[in-house]
Structure formats: structure tokens, C-alpha cells
PDB file of all heavy atoms in Angstrom:
ATOM      1  N   ILE A   1       9.372  -1.486  -9.991  1.00  0.00           N
ATOM      2  CA  ILE A   1       9.664  -0.020 -10.131  1.00  0.00           C
ATOM      3  C   ILE A   1      11.137   0.191 -10.321  1.00  0.00           C
ATOM      4  O   ILE A   1      12.011  -0.481  -9.817  1.00  0.00           O
ATOM      5  CB  ILE A   1       9.161   0.844  -8.926  1.00  0.00           C
ATOM      6  CG1 ILE A   1       9.086   2.254  -9.289  1.00  0.00           C
ATOM      7  CG2 ILE A   1       9.911   0.587  -7.679  1.00  0.00           C
ATOM      8  CD1 ILE A   1       8.127   3.105  -8.362  1.00  0.00           C
ATOM      9  N   GLN A   2      11.497   1.311 -11.066  1.00  0.00           N
ATOM     10  CA  GLN A   2      12.861   1.672 -11.184  1.00  0.00           C
ATOM     11  C   GLN A   2      13.135   2.535  -9.990  1.00  0.00           C
ATOM     12  O   GLN A   2      12.434   3.555  -9.814  1.00  0.00           O
ATOM     13  CB  GLN A   2      13.097   2.452 -12.552  1.00  0.00           C
ATOM     14  CG  GLN A   2      14.705   2.675 -12.598  1.00  0.00           C
ATOM     15  CD  GLN A   2      15.066   3.572 -13.854  1.00  0.00           C
ATOM     16  OE1 GLN A   2      16.125   4.083 -13.839  1.00  0.00           O
ATOM     17  NE2 GLN A   2      14.164   3.511 -14.961  1.00  0.00           N
ATOM     18  N   LEU A   3      14.125   2.336  -9.270  1.00  0.00           N
ATOM     19  CA  LEU A   3      14.392   2.989  -8.041  1.00  0.00           C
ATOM     20  C   LEU A   3      14.740   4.387  -8.269  1.00  0.00           C
ATOM     21  O   LEU A   3      14.349   5.345  -7.419  1.00  0.00           O
ATOM     22  CB  LEU A   3      15.600   2.306  -7.468  1.00  0.00           C
ATOM     23  CG  LEU A   3      15.357   0.796  -6.921  1.00  0.00           C
ATOM     24  CD1 LEU A   3      16.543   0.192  -6.340  1.00  0.00           C
ATOM     25  CD2 LEU A   3      14.199   0.729  -5.921  1.00  0.00           C
ATOM     26  N   ASP A   4      15.459   4.853  -9.400  1.00  0.00           N
ATOM     27  CA  ASP A   4      15.816   6.208  -9.591  1.00  0.00           C
ATOM     28  C   ASP A   4      14.497   7.048  -9.954  1.00  0.00           C
ATOM     29  O   ASP A   4      14.537   8.283  -9.735  1.00  0.00           O
ATOM     30  CB  ASP A   4      16.634   6.280 -10.864  1.00  0.00           C
ATOM     31  CG  ASP A   4      18.096   6.016 -10.448  1.00  0.00           C
ATOM     32  OD1 ASP A   4      18.413   5.923  -9.229  1.00  0.00           O
ATOM     33  OD2 ASP A   4      18.909   5.783 -11.430  1.00  0.00           O
ATOM     34  N   LYS A   5      13.404   6.414 -10.144  1.00  0.00           N
ATOM     35  CA  LYS A   5      12.221   7.167 -10.518  1.00  0.00           C
ATOM     36  C   LYS A   5      11.317   7.475  -9.293  1.00  0.00           C
ATOM     37  O   LYS A   5      10.294   8.160  -9.402  1.00  0.00           O
ATOM     38  CB  LYS A   5      11.381   6.341 -11.523  1.00  0.00           C
ATOM     39  CG  LYS A   5      11.970   6.063 -12.896  1.00  0.00           C
ATOM     40  CD  LYS A   5      12.317   7.270 -13.591  1.00  0.00           C
ATOM     41  CE  LYS A   5      12.937   6.876 -14.934  1.00  0.00           C
ATOM     42  NZ  LYS A   5      13.197   8.031 -15.857  1.00  0.00           N
ATOM     43  N   ILE A   6      11.742   6.953  -8.169  1.00  0.00           N
ATOM     44  CA  ILE A   6      11.018   7.067  -6.907  1.00  0.00           C
ATOM     45  C   ILE A   6      11.234   8.541  -6.460  1.00  0.00           C
ATOM     46  O   ILE A   6      12.323   9.067  -6.347  1.00  0.00           O
ATOM     47  CB  ILE A   6      11.420   6.193  -5.821  1.00  0.00           C
ATOM     48  CG1 ILE A   6      10.999   4.679  -6.293  1.00  0.00           C
ATOM     49  CG2 ILE A   6      10.711   6.559  -4.416  1.00  0.00           C
ATOM     50  CD1 ILE A   6      11.508   3.626  -5.267  1.00  0.00           C
ATOM     51  N   LYS A   7      10.007   9.269  -6.174  1.00  0.00           N
ATOM     52  CA  LYS A   7      10.064  10.597  -5.666  1.00  0.00           C
ATOM     53  C   LYS A   7       9.839  10.677  -4.173  1.00  0.00           C
ATOM     54  O   LYS A   7      10.446  11.424  -3.449  1.00  0.00           O
ATOM     55  CB  LYS A   7       8.991  11.555  -6.395  1.00  0.00           C
ATOM     56  CG  LYS A   7       9.356  11.733  -7.826  1.00  0.00           C
ATOM     57  CD  LYS A   7       8.395  12.718  -8.379  1.00  0.00           C
ATOM     58  CE  LYS A   7       8.805  13.201  -9.878  1.00  0.00           C
ATOM     59  NZ  LYS A   7       7.863  14.126 -10.571  1.00  0.00           N
ATOM     60  N   SER A   8       8.972   9.830  -3.699  1.00  0.00           N
ATOM     61  CA  SER A   8       8.667   9.769  -2.287  1.00  0.00           C
ATOM     62  C   SER A   8       7.959   8.449  -1.907  1.00  0.00           C
ATOM     63  O   SER A   8       7.422   7.792  -2.734  1.00  0.00           O
ATOM     64  CB  SER A   8       7.850  11.014  -1.799  1.00  0.00           C
ATOM     65  OG  SER A   8       6.579  10.935  -2.419  1.00  0.00           O
ATOM     66  N   ILE A   9       8.054   8.140  -0.720  1.00  0.00           N
ATOM     67  CA  ILE A   9       7.305   6.995  -0.145  1.00  0.00           C
ATOM     68  C   ILE A   9       6.425   7.495   1.099  1.00  0.00           C
ATOM     69  O   ILE A   9       6.955   8.083   1.940  1.00  0.00           O
ATOM     70  CB  ILE A   9       8.224   5.868   0.313  1.00  0.00           C
ATOM     71  CG1 ILE A   9       9.147   5.381  -0.929  1.00  0.00           C
ATOM     72  CG2 ILE A   9       7.523   4.630   0.850  1.00  0.00           C
ATOM     73  CD1 ILE A   9      10.126   4.458  -0.581  1.00  0.00           C
ATOM     74  N   ASP A  10       5.175   7.055   0.954  1.00  0.00           N
ATOM     75  CA  ASP A  10       4.248   7.411   2.094  1.00  0.00           C
ATOM     76  C   ASP A  10       3.323   6.259   2.468  1.00  0.00           C
ATOM     77  O   ASP A  10       2.536   5.936   1.618  1.00  0.00           O
ATOM     78  CB  ASP A  10       3.414   8.700   1.645  1.00  0.00           C
ATOM     79  CG  ASP A  10       2.519   9.215   2.816  1.00  0.00           C
ATOM     80  OD1 ASP A  10       2.733   8.773   3.920  1.00  0.00           O
ATOM     81  OD2 ASP A  10       1.732  10.097   2.510  1.00  0.00           O
ATOM     82  N   GLY A  11       3.640   5.658   3.639  1.00  0.00           N
ATOM     83  CA  GLY A  11       2.802   4.432   3.985  1.00  0.00           C
ATOM     84  C   GLY A  11       3.057   3.325   3.000  1.00  0.00           C
ATOM     85  O   GLY A  11       4.241   3.021   2.906  1.00  0.00           O
ATOM     86  N   ASN A  12       2.059   2.872   2.451  1.00  0.00           N
ATOM     87  CA  ASN A  12       2.147   1.766   1.468  1.00  0.00           C
ATOM     88  C   ASN A  12       2.185   2.166   0.018  1.00  0.00           C
ATOM     89  O   ASN A  12       1.837   1.366  -0.870  1.00  0.00           O
ATOM     90  CB  ASN A  12       1.011   0.795   1.708  1.00  0.00           C
ATOM     91  CG  ASN A  12       1.123   0.100   3.106  1.00  0.00           C
ATOM     92  OD1 ASN A  12       2.091  -0.047   3.622  1.00  0.00           O
ATOM     93  ND2 ASN A  12      -0.048  -0.171   3.611  1.00  0.00           N
ATOM     94  N   MET A  13       2.492   3.399  -0.252  1.00  0.00           N
ATOM     95  CA  MET A  13       2.414   3.991  -1.557  1.00  0.00           C
ATOM     96  C   MET A  13       3.888   4.533  -1.936  1.00  0.00           C
ATOM     97  O   MET A  13       4.474   5.181  -1.144  1.00  0.00           O
ATOM     98  CB  MET A  13       1.448   4.993  -1.833  1.00  0.00           C
ATOM     99  CG  MET A  13      -0.026   4.523  -1.548  1.00  0.00           C
ATOM    100  SD  MET A  13      -0.535   3.184  -2.598  1.00  0.00           S
ATOM    101  CE  MET A  13      -0.609   4.020  -4.253  1.00  0.00           C
ATOM    102  N   ILE A  14       4.258   4.232  -3.223  1.00  0.00           N
ATOM    103  CA  ILE A  14       5.506   4.857  -3.758  1.00  0.00           C
ATOM    104  C   ILE A  14       4.971   5.841  -4.854  1.00  0.00           C
ATOM    105  O   ILE A  14       4.203   5.481  -5.734  1.00  0.00           O
ATOM    106  CB  ILE A  14       6.335   3.811  -4.360  1.00  0.00           C
ATOM    107  CG1 ILE A  14       7.025   2.967  -3.298  1.00  0.00           C
ATOM    108  CG2 ILE A  14       7.442   4.377  -5.292  1.00  0.00           C
ATOM    109  CD1 ILE A  14       7.974   1.874  -3.823  1.00  0.00           C
ATOM    110  N   TYR A  15       5.545   7.069  -4.711  1.00  0.00           N
ATOM    111  CA  TYR A  15       5.081   8.097  -5.662  1.00  0.00           C
ATOM    112  C   TYR A  15       6.224   8.330  -6.710  1.00  0.00           C
ATOM    113  O   TYR A  15       7.392   8.367  -6.424  1.00  0.00           O
ATOM    114  CB  TYR A  15       4.779   9.397  -4.921  1.00  0.00           C
ATOM    115  CG  TYR A  15       3.497   9.198  -4.148  1.00  0.00           C
ATOM    116  CD1 TYR A  15       3.610   8.670  -2.820  1.00  0.00           C
ATOM    117  CD2 TYR A  15       2.222   9.536  -4.619  1.00  0.00           C
ATOM    118  CE1 TYR A  15       2.449   8.583  -2.043  1.00  0.00           C
ATOM    119  CE2 TYR A  15       1.114   9.357  -3.816  1.00  0.00           C
ATOM    120  CZ  TYR A  15       1.233   8.871  -2.590  1.00  0.00           C
ATOM    121  OH  TYR A  15       0.040   8.756  -1.811  1.00  0.00           O
ATOM    122  N   HIS A  16       5.854   8.526  -7.914  1.00  0.00           N
ATOM    123  CA  HIS A  16       6.765   8.758  -8.993  1.00  0.00           C
ATOM    124  C   HIS A  16       6.161   9.560 -10.107  1.00  0.00           C
ATOM    125  O   HIS A  16       5.005  10.159  -9.779  1.00  0.00           O
ATOM    126  CB  HIS A  16       7.117   7.359  -9.751  1.00  0.00           C
ATOM    127  CG  HIS A  16       5.954   6.472  -9.927  1.00  0.00           C
ATOM    128  ND1 HIS A  16       4.998   6.673 -10.914  1.00  0.00           N
ATOM    129  CD2 HIS A  16       5.586   5.412  -9.243  1.00  0.00           C
ATOM    130  CE1 HIS A  16       4.127   5.839 -10.964  1.00  0.00           C
ATOM    131  NE2 HIS A  16       4.421   4.944  -9.966  1.00  0.00           N
ATOM    132  N   GLU A  17       6.808   9.897 -11.091  1.00  0.00           N
ATOM    133  CA  GLU A  17       6.291  10.922 -12.152  1.00  0.00           C
ATOM    134  C   GLU A  17       5.039  10.585 -12.766  1.00  0.00           C
ATOM    135  O   GLU A  17       4.478  11.443 -13.370  1.00  0.00           O
ATOM    136  CB  GLU A  17       7.398  11.199 -13.143  1.00  0.00           C
ATOM    137  CG  GLU A  17       7.749  10.006 -14.068  1.00  0.00           C
ATOM    138  CD  GLU A  17       8.993  10.204 -14.988  1.00  0.00           C
ATOM    139  OE1 GLU A  17      10.097  10.131 -14.439  1.00  0.00           O
ATOM    140  OE2 GLU A  17       8.820  10.617 -16.098  1.00  0.00           O
ATOM    141  N   LEU A  18       4.754   9.296 -12.738  1.00  0.00           N
ATOM    142  CA  LEU A  18       3.449   8.920 -13.502  1.00  0.00           C
ATOM    143  C   LEU A  18       2.381   8.684 -12.475  1.00  0.00           C
ATOM    144  O   LEU A  18       1.146   8.220 -12.832  1.00  0.00           O
ATOM    145  CB  LEU A  18       3.738   7.564 -14.236  1.00  0.00           C
ATOM    146  CG  LEU A  18       4.607   7.695 -15.460  1.00  0.00           C
ATOM    147  CD1 LEU A  18       4.694   6.324 -16.131  1.00  0.00           C
ATOM    148  CD2 LEU A  18       4.321   8.824 -16.401  1.00  0.00           C
ATOM    149  N   GLY A  19       2.584   8.917 -11.184  1.00  0.00           N
ATOM    150  CA  GLY A  19       1.519   8.784 -10.216  1.00  0.00           C
ATOM    151  C   GLY A  19       1.983   8.076  -8.978  1.00  0.00           C
ATOM    152  O   GLY A  19       3.069   8.386  -8.382  1.00  0.00           O
ATOM    153  N   SER A  20       1.334   6.981  -8.587  1.00  0.00           N
ATOM    154  CA  SER A  20       1.672   6.176  -7.348  1.00  0.00           C
ATOM    155  C   SER A  20       1.500   4.711  -7.729  1.00  0.00           C
ATOM    156  O   SER A  20       0.695   4.372  -8.584  1.00  0.00           O
ATOM    157  CB  SER A  20       0.905   6.607  -6.259  1.00  0.00           C
ATOM    158  OG  SER A  20      -0.540   6.432  -6.503  1.00  0.00           O
ATOM    159  N   THR A  21       2.219   3.949  -6.924  1.00  0.00           N
ATOM    160  CA  THR A  21       2.206   2.427  -7.069  1.00  0.00           C
ATOM    161  C   THR A  21       2.231   1.877  -5.664  1.00  0.00           C
ATOM    162  O   THR A  21       3.063   2.290  -4.788  1.00  0.00           O
ATOM    163  CB  THR A  21       3.370   1.957  -7.934  1.00  0.00           C
ATOM    164  OG1 THR A  21       3.407   2.628  -9.134  1.00  0.00           O
ATOM    165  CG2 THR A  21       3.389   0.459  -8.140  1.00  0.00           C
ATOM    166  N   PRO A  22       1.407   0.874  -5.391  1.00  0.00           N
ATOM    167  CA  PRO A  22       1.277   0.329  -4.020  1.00  0.00           C
ATOM    168  C   PRO A  22       2.453  -0.631  -3.745  1.00  0.00           C
ATOM    169  O   PRO A  22       2.992  -1.308  -4.585  1.00  0.00           O
ATOM    170  CB  PRO A  22      -0.061  -0.473  -4.082  1.00  0.00           C
ATOM    171  CG  PRO A  22      -0.221  -0.868  -5.430  1.00  0.00           C
ATOM    172  CD  PRO A  22       0.316   0.224  -6.229  1.00  0.00           C
ATOM    173  N   ILE A  23       2.782  -0.629  -2.420  1.00  0.00           N
ATOM    174  CA  ILE A  23       3.832  -1.598  -1.961  1.00  0.00           C
ATOM    175  C   ILE A  23       2.990  -2.880  -1.348  1.00  0.00           C
ATOM    176  O   ILE A  23       2.255  -2.778  -0.513  1.00  0.00           O
ATOM    177  CB  ILE A  23       4.680  -1.012  -0.855  1.00  0.00           C
ATOM    178  CG1 ILE A  23       5.308   0.226  -1.296  1.00  0.00           C
ATOM    179  CG2 ILE A  23       5.662  -2.035  -0.314  1.00  0.00           C
ATOM    180  CD1 ILE A  23       6.022   1.041  -0.216  1.00  0.00           C
ATOM    181  N   GLY A  24       3.437  -4.050  -1.960  1.00  0.00           N
ATOM    182  CA  GLY A  24       2.647  -5.304  -1.322  1.00  0.00           C
ATOM    183  C   GLY A  24       3.188  -5.587   0.016  1.00  0.00           C
ATOM    184  O   GLY A  24       4.329  -5.339   0.390  1.00  0.00           O
ATOM    185  N   GLU A  25       2.370  -6.218   0.887  1.00  0.00           N
ATOM    186  CA  GLU A  25       2.665  -6.621   2.187  1.00  0.00           C
ATOM    187  C   GLU A  25       3.987  -7.397   2.303  1.00  0.00           C
ATOM    188  O   GLU A  25       4.848  -7.239   3.156  1.00  0.00           O
ATOM    189  CB  GLU A  25       1.502  -7.445   2.744  1.00  0.00           C
ATOM    190  CG  GLU A  25       1.750  -7.707   4.346  1.00  0.00           C
ATOM    191  CD  GLU A  25       1.467  -6.369   5.108  1.00  0.00           C
ATOM    192  OE1 GLU A  25       0.769  -5.445   4.678  1.00  0.00           O
ATOM    193  OE2 GLU A  25       2.196  -6.327   6.203  1.00  0.00           O
ATOM    194  N   THR A  26       4.194  -8.330   1.333  1.00  0.00           N
ATOM    195  CA  THR A  26       5.303  -9.196   1.408  1.00  0.00           C
ATOM    196  C   THR A  26       6.586  -8.596   0.919  1.00  0.00           C
ATOM    197  O   THR A  26       7.746  -9.163   1.069  1.00  0.00           O
ATOM    198  CB  THR A  26       5.121 -10.551   0.594  1.00  0.00           C
ATOM    199  OG1 THR A  26       4.828 -10.265  -0.768  1.00  0.00           O
ATOM    200  CG2 THR A  26       4.029 -11.396   1.259  1.00  0.00           C
ATOM    201  N   TYR A  27       6.454  -7.346   0.374  1.00  0.00           N
ATOM    202  CA  TYR A  27       7.639  -6.699  -0.166  1.00  0.00           C
ATOM    203  C   TYR A  27       8.094  -5.507   0.723  1.00  0.00           C
ATOM    204  O   TYR A  27       9.047  -4.765   0.397  1.00  0.00           O
ATOM    205  CB  TYR A  27       7.376  -6.279  -1.563  1.00  0.00           C
ATOM    206  CG  TYR A  27       7.168  -7.323  -2.562  1.00  0.00           C
ATOM    207  CD1 TYR A  27       5.966  -7.866  -2.708  1.00  0.00           C
ATOM    208  CD2 TYR A  27       8.172  -7.941  -3.201  1.00  0.00           C
ATOM    209  CE1 TYR A  27       5.627  -8.906  -3.578  1.00  0.00           C
ATOM    210  CE2 TYR A  27       8.057  -8.991  -4.110  1.00  0.00           C
ATOM    211  CZ  TYR A  27       6.678  -9.564  -4.219  1.00  0.00           C
ATOM    212  OH  TYR A  27       6.512 -10.577  -5.042  1.00  0.00           O
ATOM    213  N   LYS A  28       7.358  -5.255   1.846  1.00  0.00           N
ATOM    214  CA  LYS A  28       7.567  -3.987   2.656  1.00  0.00           C
ATOM    215  C   LYS A  28       9.054  -4.085   3.275  1.00  0.00           C
ATOM    216  O   LYS A  28       9.729  -2.974   3.276  1.00  0.00           O
ATOM    217  CB  LYS A  28       6.656  -3.988   3.818  1.00  0.00           C
ATOM    218  CG  LYS A  28       5.257  -3.485   3.394  1.00  0.00           C
ATOM    219  CD  LYS A  28       4.315  -3.383   4.660  1.00  0.00           C
ATOM    220  CE  LYS A  28       2.918  -2.811   4.231  1.00  0.00           C
ATOM    221  NZ  LYS A  28       2.126  -2.751   5.391  1.00  0.00           N
ATOM    222  N   ASN A  29       9.519  -5.159   3.682  1.00  0.00           N
ATOM    223  CA  ASN A  29      10.808  -5.325   4.288  1.00  0.00           C
ATOM    224  C   ASN A  29      11.896  -4.954   3.308  1.00  0.00           C
ATOM    225  O   ASN A  29      12.882  -4.282   3.620  1.00  0.00           O
ATOM    226  CB  ASN A  29      11.051  -6.696   4.835  1.00  0.00           C
ATOM    227  CG  ASN A  29      10.399  -6.884   6.158  1.00  0.00           C
ATOM    228  OD1 ASN A  29       9.934  -5.904   6.805  1.00  0.00           O
ATOM    229  ND2 ASN A  29      10.045  -8.138   6.469  1.00  0.00           N
ATOM    230  N   GLU A  30      11.684  -5.323   1.983  1.00  0.00           N
ATOM    231  CA  GLU A  30      12.731  -4.989   1.009  1.00  0.00           C
ATOM    232  C   GLU A  30      12.825  -3.555   0.735  1.00  0.00           C
ATOM    233  O   GLU A  30      13.946  -2.949   0.570  1.00  0.00           O
ATOM    234  CB  GLU A  30      12.373  -5.805  -0.331  1.00  0.00           C
ATOM    235  CG  GLU A  30      12.743  -7.222  -0.355  1.00  0.00           C
ATOM    236  CD  GLU A  30      14.233  -7.516  -0.192  1.00  0.00           C
ATOM    237  OE1 GLU A  30      15.011  -6.833  -0.891  1.00  0.00           O
ATOM    238  OE2 GLU A  30      14.703  -8.235   0.779  1.00  0.00           O
TER     239      GLU A  30
END
């Protein structure tokens, strides 16, 4: 994901202008 496009993060989901994208378990810490 492009970081500037992130609007919000809720739990394991990242929300952006095109909808939402899941965060993988191994990438949560990053």
C-alpha cells in the first residue's frame, strides 16, 4: 500500500479511497 493513501486503520484492516485492504499477521509489527 502507498502510505499517503491510508485514511484509517481499524483492527486488521487499512482503509483507503478504494475501500479496504487486510493487514497480514506477519506484517502487523511493521
